[in-house]
C-alpha cells in the first residue's frame, strides 16, 4: 500500500489512476498526516461464487451458518432432481 498526498494525487490524477489500474496496488490519500481515502483497483470481474464469498465474510456467525444451511438444503434438493417451485417461494419481506 502506497501513501500519497492529496495535492500530489490531484496534480497527477490520470497517472495515479493508471498506476492503480496497472499495479493493482492501493493508494492511500493523506492530508496533514491524516489518512482520508483509498484508491482501490476494481476487480477484473468476479464470478457469482466470489461475490457470494465476499458477502459471506461480512455476516455474523449465526447468519452465516443459517445461510450455509439453506444453500446446502437447496443443493441437496437439486441433486435429487427436485427443483424449487413458485408455490415454494415465500415473501422475504413478509414478517
C-alpha atoms as a PDB file:
ATOM      1  CA  UNK A   1       0.000   0.000   0.000  1.00  0.00           C
ATOM      2  CA  UNK A   2       1.360   3.371  -1.013  1.00  0.00           C
ATOM      3  CA  UNK A   3       0.583   6.741   0.572  1.00  0.00           C
ATOM      4  CA  UNK A   4       0.348   9.967  -1.425  1.00  0.00           C
ATOM      5  CA  UNK A   5      -0.653  13.477  -0.503  1.00  0.00           C
ATOM      6  CA  UNK A   6      -3.988  14.709  -1.774  1.00  0.00           C
ATOM      7  CA  UNK A   7      -2.142  17.512  -3.585  1.00  0.00           C
ATOM      8  CA  UNK A   8       0.169  15.075  -5.404  1.00  0.00           C
ATOM      9  CA  UNK A   9      -2.777  12.923  -6.438  1.00  0.00           C
ATOM     10  CA  UNK A  10      -4.715  15.957  -7.693  1.00  0.00           C
ATOM     11  CA  UNK A  11      -1.767  17.143  -9.776  1.00  0.00           C
ATOM     12  CA  UNK A  12      -1.160  13.729 -11.312  1.00  0.00           C
ATOM     13  CA  UNK A  13      -4.622  12.188 -11.184  1.00  0.00           C
ATOM     14  CA  UNK A  14      -4.505  10.413 -14.543  1.00  0.00           C
ATOM     15  CA  UNK A  15      -1.070   8.932 -13.861  1.00  0.00           C
ATOM     16  CA  UNK A  16      -2.150   7.842 -10.370  1.00  0.00           C
ATOM     17  CA  UNK A  17      -5.218   6.086 -11.781  1.00  0.00           C
ATOM     18  CA  UNK A  18      -3.024   4.360 -14.366  1.00  0.00           C
ATOM     19  CA  UNK A  19      -0.714   3.193 -11.589  1.00  0.00           C
ATOM     20  CA  UNK A  20      -3.586   1.813  -9.523  1.00  0.00           C
ATOM     21  CA  UNK A  21      -5.028   0.078 -12.577  1.00  0.00           C
ATOM     22  CA  UNK A  22      -1.758  -1.457 -13.750  1.00  0.00           C
ATOM     23  CA  UNK A  23      -0.082  -2.339 -10.456  1.00  0.00           C
ATOM     24  CA  UNK A  24      -3.240  -3.320  -8.600  1.00  0.00           C
ATOM     25  CA  UNK A  25      -1.884  -1.571  -5.510  1.00  0.00           C
ATOM     26  CA  UNK A  26      -3.993   0.588  -3.205  1.00  0.00           C
ATOM     27  CA  UNK A  27      -3.049   4.212  -2.742  1.00  0.00           C
ATOM     28  CA  UNK A  28      -3.972   5.964   0.493  1.00  0.00           C
ATOM     29  CA  UNK A  29      -4.633   9.696   0.164  1.00  0.00           C
ATOM     30  CA  UNK A  30      -3.162  11.748   3.002  1.00  0.00           C
ATOM     31  CA  UNK A  31      -3.794  15.362   4.021  1.00  0.00           C
ATOM     32  CA  UNK A  32      -1.982  16.911   7.000  1.00  0.00           C
ATOM     33  CA  UNK A  33      -0.622  13.483   8.016  1.00  0.00           C
ATOM     34  CA  UNK A  34      -4.192  12.159   8.245  1.00  0.00           C
ATOM     35  CA  UNK A  35      -5.426   9.326   6.044  1.00  0.00           C
ATOM     36  CA  UNK A  36      -8.548  10.457   4.212  1.00  0.00           C
ATOM     37  CA  UNK A  37      -9.359   7.968   1.490  1.00  0.00           C
ATOM     38  CA  UNK A  38      -8.152   4.996  -0.536  1.00  0.00           C
ATOM     39  CA  UNK A  39      -7.947   4.425  -4.245  1.00  0.00           C
ATOM     40  CA  UNK A  40      -8.533   0.727  -4.673  1.00  0.00           C
ATOM     41  CA  UNK A  41      -8.316  -1.102  -8.010  1.00  0.00           C
ATOM     42  CA  UNK A  42     -11.577  -2.540  -9.274  1.00  0.00           C
ATOM     43  CA  UNK A  43     -11.607  -6.296  -9.537  1.00  0.00           C
ATOM     44  CA  UNK A  44     -11.207  -7.595 -13.053  1.00  0.00           C
ATOM     45  CA  UNK A  45     -14.524  -9.361 -12.805  1.00  0.00           C
ATOM     46  CA  UNK A  46     -15.962 -11.623 -10.194  1.00  0.00           C
ATOM     47  CA  UNK A  47     -17.915 -14.774 -10.506  1.00  0.00           C
ATOM     48  CA  UNK A  48     -21.117 -15.149  -8.535  1.00  0.00           C
ATOM     49  CA  UNK A  49     -19.296 -17.516  -6.199  1.00  0.00           C
ATOM     50  CA  UNK A  50     -16.590 -14.913  -5.456  1.00  0.00           C
ATOM     51  CA  UNK A  51     -19.191 -12.243  -4.774  1.00  0.00           C
ATOM     52  CA  UNK A  52     -21.100 -14.639  -2.527  1.00  0.00           C
ATOM     53  CA  UNK A  53     -17.850 -15.434  -0.702  1.00  0.00           C
ATOM     54  CA  UNK A  54     -17.228 -11.738  -0.092  1.00  0.00           C
ATOM     55  CA  UNK A  55     -20.765 -11.323   1.227  1.00  0.00           C
ATOM     56  CA  UNK A  56     -20.452 -14.426   3.399  1.00  0.00           C
ATOM     57  CA  UNK A  57     -17.365 -12.997   5.156  1.00  0.00           C
ATOM     58  CA  UNK A  58     -19.321  -9.902   6.205  1.00  0.00           C
ATOM     59  CA  UNK A  59     -22.054 -11.841   8.011  1.00  0.00           C
ATOM     60  CA  UNK A  60     -22.088 -12.646  11.699  1.00  0.00           C
ATOM     61  CA  UNK A  61     -21.603 -16.326  12.608  1.00  0.00           C
ATOM     62  CA  UNK A  62     -25.265 -17.140  13.240  1.00  0.00           C
ATOM     63  CA  UNK A  63     -26.460 -15.602   9.975  1.00  0.00           C
ATOM     64  CA  UNK A  64     -23.622 -17.208   8.002  1.00  0.00           C
ATOM     65  CA  UNK A  65     -24.434 -20.627   9.465  1.00  0.00           C
ATOM     66  CA  UNK A  66     -28.141 -20.239   8.660  1.00  0.00           C
ATOM     67  CA  UNK A  67     -27.393 -19.112   5.104  1.00  0.00           C
ATOM     68  CA  UNK A  68     -24.977 -22.002   4.556  1.00  0.00           C
ATOM     69  CA  UNK A  69     -27.666 -24.397   5.783  1.00  0.00           C
ATOM     70  CA  UNK A  70     -30.215 -23.043   3.306  1.00  0.00           C
ATOM     71  CA  UNK A  71     -27.709 -23.308   0.454  1.00  0.00           C
ATOM     72  CA  UNK A  72     -26.882 -26.902   1.425  1.00  0.00           C
ATOM     73  CA  UNK A  73     -30.608 -27.846   1.512  1.00  0.00           C
ATOM     74  CA  UNK A  74     -31.162 -26.273  -1.903  1.00  0.00           C
ATOM     75  CA  UNK A  75     -28.195 -28.129  -3.392  1.00  0.00           C
ATOM     76  CA  UNK A  76     -29.422 -31.410  -1.907  1.00  0.00           C
ATOM     77  CA  UNK A  77     -32.886 -30.891  -3.447  1.00  0.00           C
ATOM     78  CA  UNK A  78     -31.439 -30.113  -6.862  1.00  0.00           C
ATOM     79  CA  UNK A  79     -29.087 -33.085  -6.650  1.00  0.00           C
ATOM     80  CA  UNK A  80     -32.085 -35.361  -6.226  1.00  0.00           C
ATOM     81  CA  UNK A  81     -33.947 -33.792  -9.122  1.00  0.00           C
ATOM     82  CA  UNK A  82     -36.348 -31.747  -7.051  1.00  0.00           C
ATOM     83  CA  UNK A  83     -36.300 -28.175  -8.221  1.00  0.00           C
ATOM     84  CA  UNK A  84     -37.978 -25.390  -6.297  1.00  0.00           C
ATOM     85  CA  UNK A  85     -41.462 -24.371  -7.335  1.00  0.00           C
ATOM     86  CA  UNK A  86     -43.133 -20.999  -7.428  1.00  0.00           C
ATOM     87  CA  UNK A  87     -45.502 -22.157  -4.705  1.00  0.00           C
ATOM     88  CA  UNK A  88     -42.484 -23.000  -2.547  1.00  0.00           C
ATOM     89  CA  UNK A  89     -41.205 -19.459  -2.564  1.00  0.00           C
ATOM     90  CA  UNK A  90     -42.016 -17.237   0.336  1.00  0.00           C
ATOM     91  CA  UNK A  91     -42.084 -13.483   0.566  1.00  0.00           C
ATOM     92  CA  UNK A  92     -38.771 -12.494   2.165  1.00  0.00           C
ATOM     93  CA  UNK A  93     -40.229  -9.116   3.173  1.00  0.00           C
ATOM     94  CA  UNK A  94     -43.202 -10.582   4.983  1.00  0.00           C
ATOM     95  CA  UNK A  95     -42.817 -10.711   8.777  1.00  0.00           C
END
